């Protein structure tokens, strides 16, 4: 599994449509419902190669050549899109150049039945197209999810395609299972509950310190203090410090500091160590993070589709503005409350009330195969309309863009 060794341990028991799936072919009957159900159950899966080695090599060479032409490459600021606070991670939004278009068409042609099954039709919109380059020295990212739907069944599905073999030391994405699932009934939020339950049971400063939880649950006054509600920054940091990758089976597991026996690990997900050309497909709500890269440059082609006219909250829209439509829409009270629970600020106009900018893709799945709109050697576009911050405040500046609430 994952192109390097047969799965062992917990992953060996997974059915094919769980973590690893085969892409449909013309000679094999496609089972309606299998891919959408698997994504809902696990939150992600990894496919067989959707690009040949030659196709992946050509795409990788083109991405690196394009990246070297950007103003940001090699600068002190380091990364595009602020995907991580380091100088060694680059998120480069792409144009439909000849090579990029050919590569994207090849991938989508192999994944199209899967995407139709997930979304229910071919009306889903392309809202992300970029390359992620992670260099040697990049640290582990914080655990996060990309986006969430504000109403109904809206969703974003993202695809990361490895343009070279990506073993564990190259910092592959670490993705966390939904819960409950066939691998474990334990998830990110269960870990928080476990830590707090244990702290409440111990209920003494000496016991908490002996079990490695002292700094977490002993307050400034020296008393036991177990918080309620959402996870604190300290708990998130603690959790991340004790989540490690087992390179024998590529599992991501929480290792409790109070129990050092190997059997104490609690499997949470998988490090997507993959063969060249394989794809990681995940729902935008799935918890994930980029791993620590200790080896060499890891290049991924990234693209995402969302439900037609979806209302999403998040940071997935790293795509050239020419391929997107943006409109300002009024918010209902329910939508305001939902956005606030998702950590989003609400913008209010004295004349139009609360509003939010919604992003739509001009390109739909049914429009594939696409035609290129730029030659490989034409890179005049490279430093135009680049997403330079994760909140897109520059690109979505109402006054600068002159939207006035209208669709553009």
Protein backbone atom coordinates (compact mmCIF):
# COMPACT_ATOMS: atom_id res chain seq x y z
CA UNK A 1 0.00 0.00 0.00
CA UNK A 2 1.13 3.55 -0.77
CA UNK A 3 3.61 2.20 -3.31
CA UNK A 4 6.38 1.16 -0.94
CA UNK A 5 5.37 -1.90 1.03
CA UNK A 6 2.36 -4.03 1.75
CA UNK A 7 0.30 -2.64 4.59
CA UNK A 8 0.75 -4.08 8.04
CA UNK A 9 -1.09 -3.67 11.28
CA UNK A 10 -4.37 -1.76 11.32
CA UNK A 11 -4.26 -0.79 7.65
CA UNK A 12 -4.02 -4.39 6.46
CA UNK A 13 -7.67 -4.91 7.37
CA UNK A 14 -8.99 -2.00 5.30
CA UNK A 15 -11.22 -2.75 2.32
CA UNK A 16 -10.03 -1.51 -1.03
CA UNK A 17 -12.38 1.44 -1.23
CA UNK A 18 -11.28 2.64 2.19
CA UNK A 19 -7.84 4.19 2.22
CA UNK A 20 -6.58 2.89 -1.11
CA UNK A 21 -8.82 2.69 -4.16
CA UNK A 22 -8.33 1.72 -7.77
CA UNK A 23 -9.25 4.23 -10.42
CA UNK A 24 -12.03 3.07 -12.75
CA UNK A 25 -11.20 1.83 -16.23
CA UNK A 26 -13.29 1.29 -19.32
CA UNK A 27 -12.97 -2.46 -18.91
CA UNK A 28 -14.17 -2.59 -15.31
CA UNK A 29 -17.73 -1.76 -14.29
CA UNK A 30 -17.90 1.29 -12.07
CA UNK A 31 -19.81 0.72 -8.82
CA UNK A 32 -22.06 3.71 -8.23
CA UNK A 33 -21.84 5.00 -4.67
CA UNK A 34 -18.56 3.33 -3.71
CA UNK A 35 -16.31 6.40 -3.84
CA UNK A 36 -18.70 8.89 -2.29
CA UNK A 37 -19.50 6.48 0.54
CA UNK A 38 -15.82 5.82 1.20
CA UNK A 39 -15.00 9.52 1.33
CA UNK A 40 -17.82 10.16 3.79
CA UNK A 41 -16.71 7.25 5.94
CA UNK A 42 -12.96 7.83 6.07
CA UNK A 43 -12.55 11.47 5.03
CA UNK A 44 -9.91 10.62 2.42
CA UNK A 45 -8.38 7.93 0.26
CA UNK A 46 -5.32 7.33 -1.90
CA UNK A 47 -5.54 6.11 -5.48
CA UNK A 48 -3.43 4.09 -7.84
CA UNK A 49 -1.28 6.33 -10.09
CA UNK A 50 -3.38 8.70 -12.19
CA UNK A 51 -0.29 9.90 -14.09
CA UNK A 52 2.44 7.87 -15.77
CA UNK A 53 6.01 8.44 -14.61
CA UNK A 54 6.71 10.39 -17.80
CA UNK A 55 3.63 12.61 -17.35
CA UNK A 56 4.55 13.28 -13.73
CA UNK A 57 8.18 14.05 -14.62
CA UNK A 58 7.12 16.59 -17.26
CA UNK A 59 4.70 18.28 -14.85
CA UNK A 60 7.29 18.42 -12.07
CA UNK A 61 9.92 19.98 -14.33
CA UNK A 62 7.39 22.57 -15.53
CA UNK A 63 6.31 23.50 -11.99
CA UNK A 64 9.89 24.00 -10.81
CA UNK A 65 10.80 26.04 -13.89
CA UNK A 66 7.73 28.23 -13.32
CA UNK A 67 8.46 28.65 -9.62
CA UNK A 68 12.01 29.87 -10.29
CA UNK A 69 10.58 32.75 -12.32
CA UNK A 70 8.48 34.14 -9.46
CA UNK A 71 9.54 37.19 -7.47
CA UNK A 72 8.90 35.29 -4.23
CA UNK A 73 11.21 32.38 -5.00
CA UNK A 74 14.31 32.59 -2.84
CA UNK A 75 13.20 35.79 -1.12
CA UNK A 76 13.29 36.27 2.63
CA UNK A 77 9.51 35.95 2.75
CA UNK A 78 9.85 32.52 1.21
CA UNK A 79 6.44 31.03 0.61
CA UNK A 80 3.47 31.99 -1.51
CA UNK A 81 0.08 31.79 0.11
CA UNK A 82 1.49 31.76 3.66
CA UNK A 83 0.76 28.05 3.84
CA UNK A 84 3.32 27.79 6.65
CA UNK A 85 5.54 30.24 8.43
CA UNK A 86 8.77 29.10 6.86
CA UNK A 87 10.99 29.81 3.89
CA UNK A 88 10.81 26.33 2.49
CA UNK A 89 7.18 25.85 1.44
CA UNK A 90 5.73 27.34 -1.76
CA UNK A 91 2.09 27.36 -2.81
CA UNK A 92 2.04 28.56 -6.41
CA UNK A 93 -1.29 29.23 -8.14
CA UNK A 94 -1.08 28.13 -11.79
CA UNK A 95 -2.30 29.21 -15.20
CA UNK A 96 -3.58 26.73 -17.75
CA UNK A 97 -0.28 26.47 -19.58
CA UNK A 98 0.24 23.73 -22.15
CA UNK A 99 1.85 21.29 -19.72
CA UNK A 100 -0.43 22.11 -16.79
CA UNK A 101 -3.54 21.69 -18.94
CA UNK A 102 -2.35 18.41 -20.44
CA UNK A 103 -1.53 17.08 -16.95
CA UNK A 104 -4.82 18.23 -15.41
CA UNK A 105 -6.83 16.74 -18.29
CA UNK A 106 -5.07 13.39 -17.86
CA UNK A 107 -5.79 13.28 -14.12
CA UNK A 108 -9.41 14.38 -14.37
CA UNK A 109 -10.15 11.92 -17.18
CA UNK A 110 -9.15 9.11 -14.80
CA UNK A 111 -10.91 10.53 -11.76
CA UNK A 112 -14.07 11.81 -13.44
CA UNK A 113 -16.32 8.83 -12.53
CA UNK A 114 -15.09 9.12 -8.95
CA UNK A 115 -15.83 12.86 -8.79
CA UNK A 116 -19.28 12.41 -10.36
CA UNK A 117 -20.06 9.78 -7.75
CA UNK A 118 -18.94 12.09 -4.93
CA UNK A 119 -20.84 15.17 -6.12
CA UNK A 120 -23.75 13.42 -7.81
CA UNK A 121 -23.22 15.12 -11.19
CA UNK A 122 -20.60 16.85 -13.34
CA UNK A 123 -21.64 20.39 -12.38
CA UNK A 124 -19.02 20.78 -9.62
CA UNK A 125 -16.75 23.81 -9.99
CA UNK A 126 -12.95 23.96 -10.16
CA UNK A 127 -11.92 26.42 -7.43
CA UNK A 128 -8.26 25.56 -6.81
CA UNK A 129 -5.35 24.94 -9.17
CA UNK A 130 -1.86 25.25 -7.79
CA UNK A 131 1.41 23.50 -7.08
CA UNK A 132 2.75 22.90 -3.60
CA UNK A 133 6.52 22.61 -3.30
CA UNK A 134 7.92 21.54 0.05
CA UNK A 135 11.70 21.64 0.35
CA UNK A 136 14.15 19.89 2.63
CA UNK A 137 13.93 21.49 6.05
CA UNK A 138 10.21 22.27 6.00
CA UNK A 139 8.72 21.65 9.45
CA UNK A 140 5.49 19.86 10.24
CA UNK A 141 2.43 22.04 9.64
CA UNK A 142 -0.18 22.69 12.27
CA UNK A 143 -3.16 20.36 12.11
CA UNK A 144 -6.00 22.00 10.21
CA UNK A 145 -8.92 21.60 7.83
CA UNK A 146 -9.30 23.69 4.68
CA UNK A 147 -12.95 24.68 4.44
CA UNK A 148 -16.46 23.92 5.61
CA UNK A 149 -19.91 24.38 4.12
CA UNK A 150 -22.07 27.14 5.55
CA UNK A 151 -25.34 25.45 4.60
CA UNK A 152 -26.79 22.26 3.19
CA UNK A 153 -24.64 19.57 1.60
CA UNK A 154 -22.04 21.91 0.10
CA UNK A 155 -18.53 20.46 0.05
CA UNK A 156 -15.06 20.85 -1.39
CA UNK A 157 -13.02 17.85 -2.50
CA UNK A 158 -9.29 18.34 -2.97
CA UNK A 159 -6.83 16.24 -4.98
CA UNK A 160 -3.06 16.17 -4.32
CA UNK A 161 -1.05 14.34 -6.99
CA UNK A 162 2.55 13.41 -6.15
CA UNK A 163 4.91 14.30 -9.00
CA UNK A 164 7.66 12.05 -7.62
CA UNK A 165 7.85 9.09 -5.26
CA UNK A 166 7.10 10.46 -1.80
CA UNK A 167 8.44 8.29 1.05
CA UNK A 168 7.78 9.24 4.70
CA UNK A 169 11.00 11.25 5.05
CA UNK A 170 9.89 13.64 2.31
CA UNK A 171 7.10 15.04 4.48
CA UNK A 172 3.94 13.62 2.87
CA UNK A 173 0.57 14.95 3.95
CA UNK A 174 -0.74 13.39 7.14
CA UNK A 175 -4.52 12.88 6.98
CA UNK A 176 -6.76 11.97 9.90
CA UNK A 177 -9.64 9.52 9.73
CA UNK A 178 -13.22 10.54 10.25
CA UNK A 179 -14.71 8.83 13.27
CA UNK A 180 -16.18 6.34 13.74
CA UNK A 181 -14.59 4.19 11.06
CA UNK A 182 -13.29 0.68 10.50
CA UNK A 183 -9.80 1.50 11.73
CA UNK A 184 -10.50 3.22 14.99
CA UNK A 185 -13.28 4.81 17.00
CA UNK A 186 -10.75 7.43 18.06
CA UNK A 187 -10.30 10.81 16.42
CA UNK A 188 -8.86 14.25 17.04
CA UNK A 189 -11.69 15.31 19.34
CA UNK A 190 -11.67 12.00 21.18
CA UNK A 191 -8.01 12.66 22.02
CA UNK A 192 -8.97 15.93 23.67
CA UNK A 193 -11.72 14.20 25.65
CA UNK A 194 -9.31 11.45 26.70
CA UNK A 195 -6.71 13.91 27.98
CA UNK A 196 -9.27 15.91 29.93
CA UNK A 197 -10.91 12.78 31.37
CA UNK A 198 -7.56 11.46 32.51
CA UNK A 199 -6.65 14.79 34.09
CA UNK A 200 -9.97 14.92 35.95
CA UNK A 201 -9.48 11.38 37.21
CA UNK A 202 -5.93 12.04 38.43
CA UNK A 203 -7.02 15.33 40.01
CA UNK A 204 -3.77 16.10 41.80
CA UNK A 205 -0.78 18.17 40.76
CA UNK A 206 1.69 15.39 41.59
CA UNK A 207 -0.22 12.81 39.52
CA UNK A 208 -0.63 15.18 36.61
CA UNK A 209 3.10 15.91 36.54
CA UNK A 210 3.92 12.19 36.81
CA UNK A 211 1.74 11.47 33.77
CA UNK A 212 3.17 14.28 31.64
CA UNK A 213 0.09 16.51 31.89
CA UNK A 214 1.33 19.00 34.46
CA UNK A 215 2.09 21.90 32.15
CA UNK A 216 -1.24 21.38 30.44
CA UNK A 217 -3.67 21.21 33.33
CA UNK A 218 -2.00 22.90 36.28
CA UNK A 219 -2.92 26.57 36.38
CA UNK A 220 -0.80 29.58 37.27
CA UNK A 221 -2.14 29.36 40.84
CA UNK A 222 -0.80 25.81 41.18
CA UNK A 223 -4.26 24.21 41.19
CA UNK A 224 -5.67 21.59 38.83
CA UNK A 225 -7.50 23.38 36.00
CA UNK A 226 -9.22 21.25 33.34
CA UNK A 227 -10.97 23.55 30.82
CA UNK A 228 -14.28 22.95 29.08
CA UNK A 229 -15.39 23.78 25.57
CA UNK A 230 -13.11 23.94 22.52
CA UNK A 231 -9.46 22.92 22.52
CA UNK A 232 -7.03 25.48 23.91
CA UNK A 233 -3.83 26.46 22.07
CA UNK A 234 -1.85 24.61 24.74
CA UNK A 235 -3.86 21.43 24.21
CA UNK A 236 -3.44 21.64 20.44
CA UNK A 237 0.31 22.07 20.83
CA UNK A 238 0.50 19.17 23.29
CA UNK A 239 -1.55 16.94 21.01
CA UNK A 240 0.62 17.73 17.98
CA UNK A 241 3.82 17.06 19.94
CA UNK A 242 2.66 13.53 20.70
CA UNK A 243 1.41 12.56 17.24
CA UNK A 244 4.03 10.64 15.27
CA UNK A 245 4.32 8.65 12.05
CA UNK A 246 5.18 4.96 12.19
CA UNK A 247 7.24 4.40 9.05
CA UNK A 248 6.67 0.64 9.19
CA UNK A 249 3.03 0.99 8.19
CA UNK A 250 2.72 4.76 7.49
CA UNK A 251 0.14 5.20 10.24
CA UNK A 252 -0.20 8.46 12.15
CA UNK A 253 -0.81 7.81 15.84
CA UNK A 254 -1.18 9.61 19.16
CA UNK A 255 1.41 8.32 21.65
CA UNK A 256 0.22 9.10 25.21
CA UNK A 257 3.09 10.49 27.31
CA UNK A 258 1.75 8.56 30.31
CA UNK A 259 2.23 5.16 28.64
CA UNK A 260 5.40 4.30 26.69
CA UNK A 261 4.41 0.78 25.62
CA UNK A 262 4.07 0.33 21.81
CA UNK A 263 0.51 -0.97 22.16
CA UNK A 264 -0.57 2.31 23.75
CA UNK A 265 -0.48 4.18 20.45
CA UNK A 266 -3.88 5.23 19.13
CA UNK A 267 -4.10 5.29 15.33
CA UNK A 268 -5.57 8.52 13.99
CA UNK A 269 -4.73 8.49 10.28
CA UNK A 270 -2.19 7.88 7.58
CA UNK A 271 0.91 9.56 6.15
CA UNK A 272 0.19 9.71 2.42
CA UNK A 273 3.52 8.25 1.34
CA UNK A 274 2.80 7.47 -2.29
CA UNK A 275 4.21 6.33 -5.59
CA UNK A 276 4.82 8.92 -8.26
CA UNK A 277 1.56 9.88 -9.93
CA UNK A 278 -0.73 8.68 -7.13
CA UNK A 279 -3.44 10.96 -5.77
CA UNK A 280 -4.57 11.80 -2.26
CA UNK A 281 -8.27 12.74 -2.38
CA UNK A 282 -9.86 14.26 0.70
CA UNK A 283 -12.88 16.22 1.85
CA UNK A 284 -11.93 19.79 2.83
CA UNK A 285 -13.29 19.20 6.34
CA UNK A 286 -10.81 16.37 6.94
CA UNK A 287 -8.08 17.21 9.45
CA UNK A 288 -4.62 17.09 7.86
CA UNK A 289 -1.17 18.65 7.87
CA UNK A 290 2.03 18.63 5.84
CA UNK A 291 4.72 16.43 7.32
CA UNK A 292 8.31 17.33 8.18
CA UNK A 293 10.56 17.08 5.12
CA UNK A 294 14.09 15.87 5.86
CA UNK A 295 15.05 14.70 2.36
CA UNK A 296 14.46 16.73 -0.80
CA UNK A 297 11.90 18.79 -2.74
CA UNK A 298 8.39 17.34 -2.75
CA UNK A 299 6.20 18.68 -5.57
CA UNK A 300 2.44 18.17 -5.71
CA UNK A 301 -0.15 19.31 -8.18
CA UNK A 302 -3.24 20.44 -6.27
CA UNK A 303 -6.74 21.10 -7.47
CA UNK A 304 -10.16 21.23 -5.82
CA UNK A 305 -13.77 21.04 -6.90
CA UNK A 306 -16.73 22.39 -4.95
CA UNK A 307 -20.46 21.78 -5.18
CA UNK A 308 -22.08 24.04 -7.78
CA UNK A 309 -22.63 27.51 -6.27
CA UNK A 310 -21.48 26.29 -2.88
CA UNK A 311 -21.26 28.61 0.12
CA UNK A 312 -17.94 27.64 1.68
CA UNK A 313 -15.87 29.13 4.47
CA UNK A 314 -12.12 28.52 4.39
CA UNK A 315 -8.78 28.99 2.69
CA UNK A 316 -8.85 26.62 -0.29
CA UNK A 317 -9.26 29.21 -3.05
CA UNK A 318 -5.61 29.46 -4.15
CA UNK A 319 -6.45 29.93 -7.81
CA UNK A 320 -5.87 32.59 -10.42
CA UNK A 321 -8.64 35.19 -10.32
CA UNK A 322 -9.27 34.76 -14.06
CA UNK A 323 -10.81 31.34 -13.39
CA UNK A 324 -13.09 32.44 -10.54
CA UNK A 325 -16.27 34.48 -10.09
CA UNK A 326 -16.76 36.49 -6.92
CA UNK A 327 -19.99 37.95 -5.64
CA UNK A 328 -21.05 39.71 -2.46
CA UNK A 329 -24.17 38.21 -0.90
CA UNK A 330 -26.27 39.20 2.13
CA UNK A 331 -26.25 36.87 5.12
CA UNK A 332 -29.22 35.45 6.98
CA UNK A 333 -29.04 35.26 10.77
CA UNK A 334 -28.41 31.51 10.55
CA UNK A 335 -25.56 32.01 8.08
CA UNK A 336 -24.03 34.69 10.31
CA UNK A 337 -24.12 32.34 13.28
CA UNK A 338 -22.64 29.48 11.24
CA UNK A 339 -19.77 31.61 9.96
CA UNK A 340 -18.96 32.74 13.49
CA UNK A 341 -18.83 29.13 14.71
CA UNK A 342 -16.36 28.47 11.88
CA UNK A 343 -14.16 31.31 13.11
CA UNK A 344 -15.03 33.78 10.36
CA UNK A 345 -15.45 37.50 10.88
CA UNK A 346 -18.70 39.04 9.67
CA UNK A 347 -18.51 42.17 7.51
CA UNK A 348 -21.33 44.67 7.97
CA UNK A 349 -22.35 47.52 5.66
CA UNK A 350 -24.44 50.44 7.01
CA UNK A 351 -26.67 50.19 3.95
CA UNK A 352 -26.62 46.47 3.05
CA UNK A 353 -26.30 44.77 6.43
CA UNK A 354 -24.09 41.71 6.99
CA UNK A 355 -22.49 40.29 3.85
CA UNK A 356 -19.91 37.77 2.73
CA UNK A 357 -17.90 37.19 -0.44
CA UNK A 358 -18.65 33.91 -2.16
CA UNK A 359 -16.32 32.31 -4.68
CA UNK A 360 -17.49 30.30 -7.68
CA UNK A 361 -15.47 28.47 -10.31
CA UNK A 362 -15.93 29.37 -13.95
CA UNK A 363 -14.72 25.91 -15.00
CA UNK A 364 -16.90 22.87 -14.25
CA UNK A 365 -16.15 19.18 -14.40
CA UNK A 366 -18.34 18.87 -17.49
CA UNK A 367 -16.06 21.35 -19.33
CA UNK A 368 -13.14 18.91 -19.39
CA UNK A 369 -10.95 18.36 -21.33
CA UNK A 370 -9.75 21.96 -21.18
CA UNK A 371 -7.71 23.97 -23.67
CA UNK A 372 -4.56 25.85 -22.59
CA UNK A 373 -4.63 29.65 -22.41
CA UNK A 374 -0.87 30.19 -22.09
CA UNK A 375 2.30 28.66 -23.54
CA UNK A 376 4.82 27.00 -21.22
CA UNK A 377 7.48 29.62 -21.99
CA UNK A 378 5.09 32.57 -21.58
CA UNK A 379 5.50 33.49 -17.92
CA UNK A 380 4.51 37.16 -17.97
CA UNK A 381 1.52 36.20 -15.82
CA UNK A 382 3.54 34.65 -13.03
CA UNK A 383 3.51 37.57 -10.57
CA UNK A 384 0.03 38.82 -11.45
CA UNK A 385 -2.95 38.29 -9.13
CA UNK A 386 -0.99 35.96 -6.85
CA UNK A 387 -2.70 35.01 -3.61
CA UNK A 388 -0.37 36.51 -1.01
CA UNK A 389 -2.21 35.83 2.22
CA UNK A 390 -4.37 33.02 3.47
CA UNK A 391 -7.39 35.29 4.03
CA UNK A 392 -7.29 36.64 0.47
CA UNK A 393 -7.77 40.19 1.78
CA UNK A 394 -5.92 41.76 -1.11
CA UNK A 395 -7.73 39.83 -3.81
CA UNK A 396 -11.14 40.30 -2.21
CA UNK A 397 -10.83 44.01 -1.40
CA UNK A 398 -14.27 45.38 -2.33
CA UNK A 399 -13.14 48.95 -2.97
CA UNK A 400 -10.11 48.00 -5.04
CA UNK A 401 -12.07 45.55 -7.18
CA UNK A 402 -15.11 47.81 -7.54
CA UNK A 403 -17.53 44.96 -6.97
CA UNK A 404 -20.29 47.03 -5.37
CA UNK A 405 -22.07 43.81 -4.58
CA UNK A 406 -22.23 42.74 -8.22
CA UNK A 407 -20.95 39.52 -9.74
CA UNK A 408 -17.68 39.73 -11.68
